[in-house]
N, C-alpha and C. Protein backbone atom coordinates (compact mmCIF):
# COMPACT_ATOMS: atom_id res chain seq x y z
N UNK A 1 71.67 -15.58 -151.26
CA UNK A 1 71.77 -15.53 -152.71
C UNK A 1 73.18 -15.16 -153.16
N UNK A 2 73.81 -14.28 -152.40
CA UNK A 2 75.17 -13.88 -152.74
C UNK A 2 76.11 -15.09 -152.68
N UNK A 3 75.88 -15.96 -151.70
CA UNK A 3 76.71 -17.15 -151.56
C UNK A 3 76.58 -18.05 -152.79
N UNK A 4 75.36 -18.20 -153.31
CA UNK A 4 75.16 -19.03 -154.50
C UNK A 4 75.83 -18.42 -155.72
N UNK A 5 75.79 -17.10 -155.85
CA UNK A 5 76.45 -16.44 -156.98
C UNK A 5 77.96 -16.60 -156.92
N UNK A 6 78.53 -16.46 -155.73
CA UNK A 6 79.97 -16.66 -155.57
C UNK A 6 80.30 -18.12 -155.87
N UNK A 7 79.46 -19.02 -155.39
CA UNK A 7 79.69 -20.44 -155.61
C UNK A 7 79.69 -20.80 -157.09
N UNK A 8 78.78 -20.22 -157.86
CA UNK A 8 78.75 -20.54 -159.30
C UNK A 8 80.01 -20.04 -160.00
N UNK A 9 80.51 -18.88 -159.60
CA UNK A 9 81.74 -18.35 -160.18
C UNK A 9 82.92 -19.27 -159.84
N UNK A 10 83.00 -19.71 -158.59
CA UNK A 10 84.09 -20.59 -158.15
C UNK A 10 84.02 -21.94 -158.87
N UNK A 11 82.81 -22.52 -158.93
CA UNK A 11 82.67 -23.84 -159.55
C UNK A 11 82.98 -23.78 -161.05
N UNK A 12 82.46 -22.78 -161.74
CA UNK A 12 82.76 -22.68 -163.18
C UNK A 12 84.25 -22.43 -163.39
N UNK A 13 84.85 -21.62 -162.54
CA UNK A 13 86.30 -21.41 -162.63
C UNK A 13 87.07 -22.71 -162.43
N UNK A 14 86.64 -23.51 -161.46
CA UNK A 14 87.30 -24.80 -161.22
C UNK A 14 87.10 -25.74 -162.40
N UNK A 15 85.90 -25.75 -162.97
CA UNK A 15 85.64 -26.60 -164.12
C UNK A 15 86.48 -26.17 -165.33
N UNK A 16 86.58 -24.87 -165.55
CA UNK A 16 87.41 -24.38 -166.67
C UNK A 16 88.88 -24.72 -166.44
N UNK A 17 89.35 -24.59 -165.20
CA UNK A 17 90.72 -24.98 -164.88
C UNK A 17 90.93 -26.47 -165.11
N UNK A 18 89.96 -27.27 -164.69
CA UNK A 18 90.03 -28.71 -164.92
C UNK A 18 90.06 -29.06 -166.39
N UNK A 19 89.28 -28.32 -167.18
CA UNK A 19 89.28 -28.50 -168.63
C UNK A 19 90.67 -28.25 -169.21
N UNK A 20 91.31 -27.18 -168.72
CA UNK A 20 92.63 -26.82 -169.23
C UNK A 20 93.66 -27.89 -168.87
N UNK A 21 93.54 -28.49 -167.69
CA UNK A 21 94.52 -29.48 -167.23
C UNK A 21 94.21 -30.88 -167.77
N UNK A 22 92.96 -31.30 -167.68
CA UNK A 22 92.58 -32.67 -168.03
C UNK A 22 92.12 -32.85 -169.46
N UNK A 23 91.66 -31.76 -170.06
CA UNK A 23 91.06 -31.86 -171.38
C UNK A 23 89.54 -31.98 -171.26
N UNK A 24 88.87 -31.69 -172.37
CA UNK A 24 87.41 -31.67 -172.37
C UNK A 24 86.80 -33.02 -172.01
N UNK A 25 87.25 -34.06 -172.67
CA UNK A 25 86.60 -35.37 -172.52
C UNK A 25 86.72 -35.90 -171.09
N UNK A 26 87.91 -35.82 -170.50
CA UNK A 26 88.10 -36.34 -169.15
C UNK A 26 87.32 -35.52 -168.14
N UNK A 27 87.40 -34.19 -168.25
CA UNK A 27 86.66 -33.34 -167.31
C UNK A 27 85.17 -33.64 -167.37
N UNK A 28 84.61 -33.69 -168.57
CA UNK A 28 83.17 -33.90 -168.69
C UNK A 28 82.77 -35.31 -168.25
N UNK A 29 83.62 -36.29 -168.47
CA UNK A 29 83.30 -37.65 -168.01
C UNK A 29 83.23 -37.68 -166.49
N UNK A 30 84.20 -37.08 -165.84
CA UNK A 30 84.21 -37.07 -164.37
C UNK A 30 83.06 -36.21 -163.83
N UNK A 31 82.87 -35.02 -164.38
CA UNK A 31 81.81 -34.14 -163.90
C UNK A 31 80.43 -34.74 -164.16
N UNK A 32 80.22 -35.33 -165.33
CA UNK A 32 78.92 -35.95 -165.62
C UNK A 32 78.66 -37.15 -164.72
N UNK A 33 79.68 -37.95 -164.48
CA UNK A 33 79.51 -39.10 -163.59
C UNK A 33 79.15 -38.66 -162.18
N UNK A 34 79.86 -37.67 -161.69
CA UNK A 34 79.56 -37.17 -160.34
C UNK A 34 78.16 -36.58 -160.27
N UNK A 35 77.78 -35.83 -161.30
CA UNK A 35 76.47 -35.20 -161.29
C UNK A 35 75.36 -36.23 -161.41
N UNK A 36 75.54 -37.26 -162.23
CA UNK A 36 74.54 -38.31 -162.35
C UNK A 36 74.34 -39.01 -161.01
N UNK A 37 75.44 -39.31 -160.32
CA UNK A 37 75.35 -39.97 -159.02
C UNK A 37 74.70 -39.06 -157.97
N UNK A 38 75.06 -37.78 -157.97
CA UNK A 38 74.44 -36.85 -157.02
C UNK A 38 72.96 -36.67 -157.31
N UNK A 39 72.58 -36.62 -158.59
CA UNK A 39 71.17 -36.48 -158.95
C UNK A 39 70.37 -37.69 -158.47
N UNK A 40 70.95 -38.88 -158.58
CA UNK A 40 70.27 -40.07 -158.05
C UNK A 40 70.12 -39.99 -156.54
N UNK A 41 71.14 -39.52 -155.84
CA UNK A 41 71.05 -39.37 -154.39
C UNK A 41 69.97 -38.38 -153.99
N UNK A 42 69.90 -37.26 -154.72
CA UNK A 42 68.89 -36.24 -154.42
C UNK A 42 67.50 -36.80 -154.73
N UNK A 43 67.34 -37.51 -155.85
CA UNK A 43 66.05 -38.11 -156.19
C UNK A 43 65.62 -39.09 -155.10
N UNK A 44 66.55 -39.90 -154.61
CA UNK A 44 66.23 -40.86 -153.55
C UNK A 44 65.81 -40.15 -152.27
N UNK A 45 66.46 -39.05 -151.96
CA UNK A 45 66.09 -38.28 -150.76
C UNK A 45 64.69 -37.71 -150.90
N UNK A 46 64.36 -37.17 -152.07
CA UNK A 46 63.01 -36.64 -152.28
C UNK A 46 61.97 -37.76 -152.29
N UNK A 47 62.35 -38.95 -152.77
CA UNK A 47 61.42 -40.08 -152.73
C UNK A 47 61.11 -40.45 -151.28
N UNK A 48 62.15 -40.48 -150.45
CA UNK A 48 61.96 -40.73 -149.02
C UNK A 48 61.04 -39.66 -148.42
N UNK A 49 61.29 -38.39 -148.76
CA UNK A 49 60.46 -37.30 -148.25
C UNK A 49 59.01 -37.46 -148.70
N UNK A 50 58.83 -37.88 -149.95
CA UNK A 50 57.47 -38.08 -150.44
C UNK A 50 56.78 -39.19 -149.67
N UNK A 51 57.50 -40.29 -149.37
CA UNK A 51 56.92 -41.36 -148.57
C UNK A 51 56.55 -40.87 -147.18
N UNK A 52 57.36 -39.97 -146.63
CA UNK A 52 57.11 -39.45 -145.27
C UNK A 52 55.96 -38.44 -145.23
N UNK A 53 55.90 -37.56 -146.21
CA UNK A 53 54.95 -36.44 -146.16
C UNK A 53 54.00 -36.37 -147.35
N UNK A 54 54.25 -37.17 -148.39
CA UNK A 54 53.41 -37.25 -149.58
C UNK A 54 53.08 -35.88 -150.18
N UNK A 55 54.08 -35.02 -150.28
CA UNK A 55 53.84 -33.71 -150.87
C UNK A 55 54.07 -33.77 -152.38
N UNK A 56 53.24 -33.07 -153.14
CA UNK A 56 53.44 -33.06 -154.60
C UNK A 56 54.79 -32.48 -155.00
N UNK A 57 55.26 -31.50 -154.24
CA UNK A 57 56.56 -30.91 -154.56
C UNK A 57 57.65 -31.96 -154.46
N UNK A 58 57.62 -32.77 -153.41
CA UNK A 58 58.64 -33.81 -153.25
C UNK A 58 58.60 -34.79 -154.41
N UNK A 59 57.39 -35.19 -154.82
CA UNK A 59 57.28 -36.14 -155.93
C UNK A 59 57.77 -35.50 -157.23
N UNK A 60 57.46 -34.23 -157.43
CA UNK A 60 57.96 -33.52 -158.61
C UNK A 60 59.47 -33.46 -158.63
N UNK A 61 60.07 -33.26 -157.47
CA UNK A 61 61.53 -33.22 -157.40
C UNK A 61 62.13 -34.59 -157.67
N UNK A 62 61.43 -35.67 -157.27
CA UNK A 62 61.90 -37.02 -157.58
C UNK A 62 62.00 -37.18 -159.10
N UNK A 63 60.91 -36.82 -159.79
CA UNK A 63 60.91 -36.95 -161.25
C UNK A 63 61.98 -36.07 -161.89
N UNK A 64 62.09 -34.84 -161.41
CA UNK A 64 63.04 -33.90 -161.97
C UNK A 64 64.47 -34.40 -161.83
N UNK A 65 64.84 -34.77 -160.61
CA UNK A 65 66.21 -35.20 -160.37
C UNK A 65 66.50 -36.57 -160.98
N UNK A 66 65.50 -37.46 -160.98
CA UNK A 66 65.71 -38.76 -161.61
C UNK A 66 65.90 -38.59 -163.13
N UNK A 67 65.12 -37.69 -163.73
CA UNK A 67 65.28 -37.41 -165.15
C UNK A 67 66.65 -36.83 -165.45
N UNK A 68 67.09 -35.89 -164.62
CA UNK A 68 68.42 -35.31 -164.81
C UNK A 68 69.49 -36.38 -164.66
N UNK A 69 69.32 -37.27 -163.68
CA UNK A 69 70.31 -38.33 -163.46
C UNK A 69 70.41 -39.24 -164.67
N UNK A 70 69.26 -39.60 -165.23
CA UNK A 70 69.27 -40.49 -166.39
C UNK A 70 69.83 -39.80 -167.63
N UNK A 71 69.47 -38.54 -167.83
CA UNK A 71 69.99 -37.79 -168.97
C UNK A 71 71.50 -37.63 -168.88
N UNK A 72 71.96 -37.17 -167.73
CA UNK A 72 73.39 -36.96 -167.54
C UNK A 72 74.12 -38.30 -167.53
N UNK A 73 73.52 -39.30 -166.89
CA UNK A 73 74.13 -40.63 -166.85
C UNK A 73 74.30 -41.23 -168.23
N UNK A 74 73.34 -40.95 -169.13
CA UNK A 74 73.47 -41.42 -170.50
C UNK A 74 74.67 -40.80 -171.19
N UNK A 75 74.87 -39.50 -170.97
CA UNK A 75 76.05 -38.83 -171.52
C UNK A 75 77.33 -39.37 -170.91
N UNK A 76 77.27 -39.68 -169.62
CA UNK A 76 78.43 -40.24 -168.92
C UNK A 76 78.78 -41.60 -169.53
N UNK A 77 77.76 -42.44 -169.74
CA UNK A 77 78.01 -43.76 -170.33
C UNK A 77 78.62 -43.63 -171.72
N UNK A 78 78.13 -42.68 -172.51
CA UNK A 78 78.71 -42.46 -173.84
C UNK A 78 80.17 -42.01 -173.72
N UNK A 79 80.44 -41.12 -172.78
CA UNK A 79 81.81 -40.63 -172.61
C UNK A 79 82.75 -41.76 -172.20
N UNK A 80 82.29 -42.62 -171.28
CA UNK A 80 83.13 -43.73 -170.83
C UNK A 80 83.38 -44.74 -171.95
N UNK A 81 82.45 -44.83 -172.89
CA UNK A 81 82.62 -45.76 -174.00
C UNK A 81 83.39 -45.13 -175.16
N UNK A 82 83.81 -43.86 -174.99
CA UNK A 82 84.59 -43.20 -176.02
C UNK A 82 83.77 -42.54 -177.10
N UNK A 83 82.47 -42.36 -176.89
CA UNK A 83 81.61 -41.77 -177.91
C UNK A 83 81.12 -40.38 -177.52
N UNK A 84 81.91 -39.67 -176.73
CA UNK A 84 81.46 -38.38 -176.21
C UNK A 84 81.38 -37.31 -177.30
N UNK A 85 80.31 -36.53 -177.24
CA UNK A 85 80.15 -35.42 -178.17
C UNK A 85 80.38 -34.09 -177.47
N UNK A 86 80.73 -34.10 -176.18
CA UNK A 86 80.87 -32.87 -175.41
C UNK A 86 81.96 -31.92 -175.91
N UNK A 87 83.12 -32.39 -176.39
CA UNK A 87 84.16 -31.42 -176.75
C UNK A 87 83.71 -30.34 -177.72
N UNK A 88 82.78 -30.65 -178.60
CA UNK A 88 82.30 -29.65 -179.55
C UNK A 88 81.53 -28.53 -178.84
N UNK A 89 81.00 -28.82 -177.66
CA UNK A 89 80.20 -27.84 -176.91
C UNK A 89 80.81 -27.59 -175.53
N UNK A 90 82.11 -27.68 -175.40
CA UNK A 90 82.77 -27.68 -174.10
C UNK A 90 82.43 -26.46 -173.25
N UNK A 91 82.46 -25.27 -173.81
CA UNK A 91 82.19 -24.08 -173.00
C UNK A 91 80.75 -24.04 -172.51
N UNK A 92 79.81 -24.39 -173.36
CA UNK A 92 78.40 -24.44 -172.96
C UNK A 92 78.21 -25.56 -171.94
N UNK A 93 78.84 -26.70 -172.17
CA UNK A 93 78.71 -27.83 -171.26
C UNK A 93 79.23 -27.47 -169.87
N UNK A 94 80.32 -26.73 -169.80
CA UNK A 94 80.86 -26.33 -168.50
C UNK A 94 79.89 -25.41 -167.76
N UNK A 95 79.24 -24.50 -168.46
CA UNK A 95 78.25 -23.63 -167.83
C UNK A 95 77.07 -24.44 -167.30
N UNK A 96 76.56 -25.37 -168.11
CA UNK A 96 75.44 -26.21 -167.69
C UNK A 96 75.87 -27.07 -166.51
N UNK A 97 77.04 -27.67 -166.60
CA UNK A 97 77.53 -28.52 -165.52
C UNK A 97 77.71 -27.72 -164.23
N UNK A 98 78.19 -26.50 -164.35
CA UNK A 98 78.33 -25.64 -163.17
C UNK A 98 77.00 -25.40 -162.48
N UNK A 99 75.96 -25.14 -163.27
CA UNK A 99 74.62 -24.94 -162.69
C UNK A 99 74.14 -26.19 -161.98
N UNK A 100 74.30 -27.34 -162.62
CA UNK A 100 73.90 -28.60 -161.99
C UNK A 100 74.67 -28.86 -160.70
N UNK A 101 75.98 -28.64 -160.73
CA UNK A 101 76.79 -28.90 -159.54
C UNK A 101 76.41 -27.98 -158.38
N UNK A 102 76.18 -26.72 -158.66
CA UNK A 102 75.76 -25.79 -157.60
C UNK A 102 74.38 -26.17 -157.09
N UNK A 103 73.47 -26.52 -157.99
CA UNK A 103 72.15 -26.97 -157.56
C UNK A 103 72.23 -28.18 -156.65
N UNK A 104 73.06 -29.14 -157.01
CA UNK A 104 73.23 -30.34 -156.18
C UNK A 104 73.83 -29.98 -154.83
N UNK A 105 74.83 -29.12 -154.84
CA UNK A 105 75.47 -28.71 -153.59
C UNK A 105 74.48 -28.00 -152.67
N UNK A 106 73.67 -27.11 -153.22
CA UNK A 106 72.67 -26.41 -152.41
C UNK A 106 71.61 -27.39 -151.90
N UNK A 107 71.22 -28.36 -152.72
CA UNK A 107 70.27 -29.37 -152.26
C UNK A 107 70.85 -30.16 -151.08
N UNK A 108 72.10 -30.58 -151.20
CA UNK A 108 72.71 -31.33 -150.11
C UNK A 108 72.80 -30.48 -148.84
N UNK A 109 73.04 -29.20 -148.98
CA UNK A 109 73.10 -28.31 -147.81
C UNK A 109 71.73 -28.24 -147.13
N UNK A 110 70.65 -28.13 -147.91
CA UNK A 110 69.30 -28.07 -147.35
C UNK A 110 68.94 -29.40 -146.71
N UNK A 111 69.23 -30.50 -147.38
CA UNK A 111 68.95 -31.83 -146.83
C UNK A 111 69.70 -31.99 -145.51
N UNK A 112 70.94 -31.58 -145.49
CA UNK A 112 71.81 -31.66 -144.31
C UNK A 112 71.17 -30.92 -143.13
N UNK A 113 70.74 -29.69 -143.38
CA UNK A 113 70.13 -28.88 -142.32
C UNK A 113 68.80 -29.47 -141.86
N UNK A 114 68.04 -30.06 -142.80
CA UNK A 114 66.74 -30.62 -142.42
C UNK A 114 66.89 -31.83 -141.51
N UNK A 115 68.05 -32.47 -141.52
CA UNK A 115 68.33 -33.55 -140.58
C UNK A 115 68.93 -33.03 -139.28
N UNK A 116 69.07 -31.70 -139.17
CA UNK A 116 69.59 -31.10 -137.95
C UNK A 116 71.10 -31.05 -137.84
N UNK A 117 71.79 -31.32 -138.93
CA UNK A 117 73.24 -31.28 -138.92
C UNK A 117 73.73 -29.88 -139.27
N UNK A 118 74.94 -29.56 -138.83
CA UNK A 118 75.55 -28.27 -139.13
C UNK A 118 76.98 -28.50 -139.57
N UNK A 119 77.56 -27.51 -140.21
CA UNK A 119 78.95 -27.61 -140.65
C UNK A 119 79.03 -28.05 -142.10
N UNK A 120 80.22 -28.46 -142.48
CA UNK A 120 80.50 -28.76 -143.89
C UNK A 120 80.33 -30.25 -144.23
N UNK A 121 79.78 -31.05 -143.33
CA UNK A 121 79.67 -32.48 -143.63
C UNK A 121 78.67 -32.76 -144.75
N UNK A 122 77.90 -31.74 -145.18
CA UNK A 122 77.00 -31.93 -146.32
C UNK A 122 77.77 -32.12 -147.62
N UNK A 123 79.08 -31.90 -147.59
CA UNK A 123 79.90 -32.04 -148.79
C UNK A 123 80.25 -33.50 -149.10
N UNK A 124 80.03 -34.43 -148.14
CA UNK A 124 80.46 -35.82 -148.39
C UNK A 124 79.77 -36.46 -149.59
N UNK A 125 78.47 -36.22 -149.86
CA UNK A 125 77.92 -36.85 -151.07
C UNK A 125 78.59 -36.37 -152.35
N UNK A 126 78.92 -35.08 -152.40
CA UNK A 126 79.59 -34.54 -153.58
C UNK A 126 81.00 -35.13 -153.70
N UNK A 127 81.70 -35.20 -152.59
CA UNK A 127 83.05 -35.77 -152.61
C UNK A 127 82.99 -37.25 -153.02
N UNK A 128 82.02 -37.99 -152.49
CA UNK A 128 81.86 -39.40 -152.85
C UNK A 128 81.56 -39.55 -154.33
N UNK A 129 80.63 -38.75 -154.84
CA UNK A 129 80.26 -38.84 -156.25
C UNK A 129 81.45 -38.48 -157.15
N UNK A 130 82.17 -37.42 -156.82
CA UNK A 130 83.35 -37.05 -157.61
C UNK A 130 84.41 -38.14 -157.57
N UNK A 131 84.64 -38.71 -156.39
CA UNK A 131 85.63 -39.77 -156.25
C UNK A 131 85.27 -41.01 -157.04
N UNK A 132 84.01 -41.46 -156.95
CA UNK A 132 83.56 -42.63 -157.71
C UNK A 132 83.64 -42.38 -159.22
N UNK A 133 83.22 -41.20 -159.62
CA UNK A 133 83.26 -40.86 -161.04
C UNK A 133 84.69 -40.84 -161.56
N UNK A 134 85.59 -40.23 -160.80
CA UNK A 134 87.01 -40.18 -161.20
C UNK A 134 87.61 -41.58 -161.25
N UNK A 135 87.26 -42.42 -160.26
CA UNK A 135 87.77 -43.79 -160.24
C UNK A 135 87.30 -44.57 -161.47
N UNK A 136 86.01 -44.47 -161.78
CA UNK A 136 85.49 -45.16 -162.96
C UNK A 136 86.10 -44.63 -164.25
N UNK A 137 86.31 -43.32 -164.33
CA UNK A 137 86.93 -42.75 -165.52
C UNK A 137 88.37 -43.25 -165.66
N UNK A 138 89.07 -43.41 -164.53
CA UNK A 138 90.44 -43.90 -164.56
C UNK A 138 90.51 -45.38 -164.95
N UNK A 139 89.51 -46.15 -164.54
CA UNK A 139 89.50 -47.58 -164.82
C UNK A 139 89.11 -47.90 -166.26
N UNK A 140 88.38 -47.00 -166.89
CA UNK A 140 87.89 -47.28 -168.25
C UNK A 140 88.84 -46.80 -169.27
């Protein structure tokens, strides 16, 4: 639990620093894009788990993460089209985004361990999502 608390402080600090350097709109576009993509990856993993074990918890997590992906992805699409409303709520948005990012990171760590892997390679989905989101934000 201590690790998760430290992680939330570090992630929110990084997001606030990114806000200061990139501005509200760019930071939220990149963070929302990465989070939408990670939420889809997590939903797909839980869907696979549900097919394997048919547990209600796995199916609930599919719905939860798919809903989050669609909600966040909708905001991402608005941001990429120049219609973002996030700057008015930037500080609250950074706190919410920090919680989502830490949740996704912890999910990837658990998924990673459940496949029998060890080390920091569970970070690749987050790095991939951040990279794709940043690339799309740069192209638009």
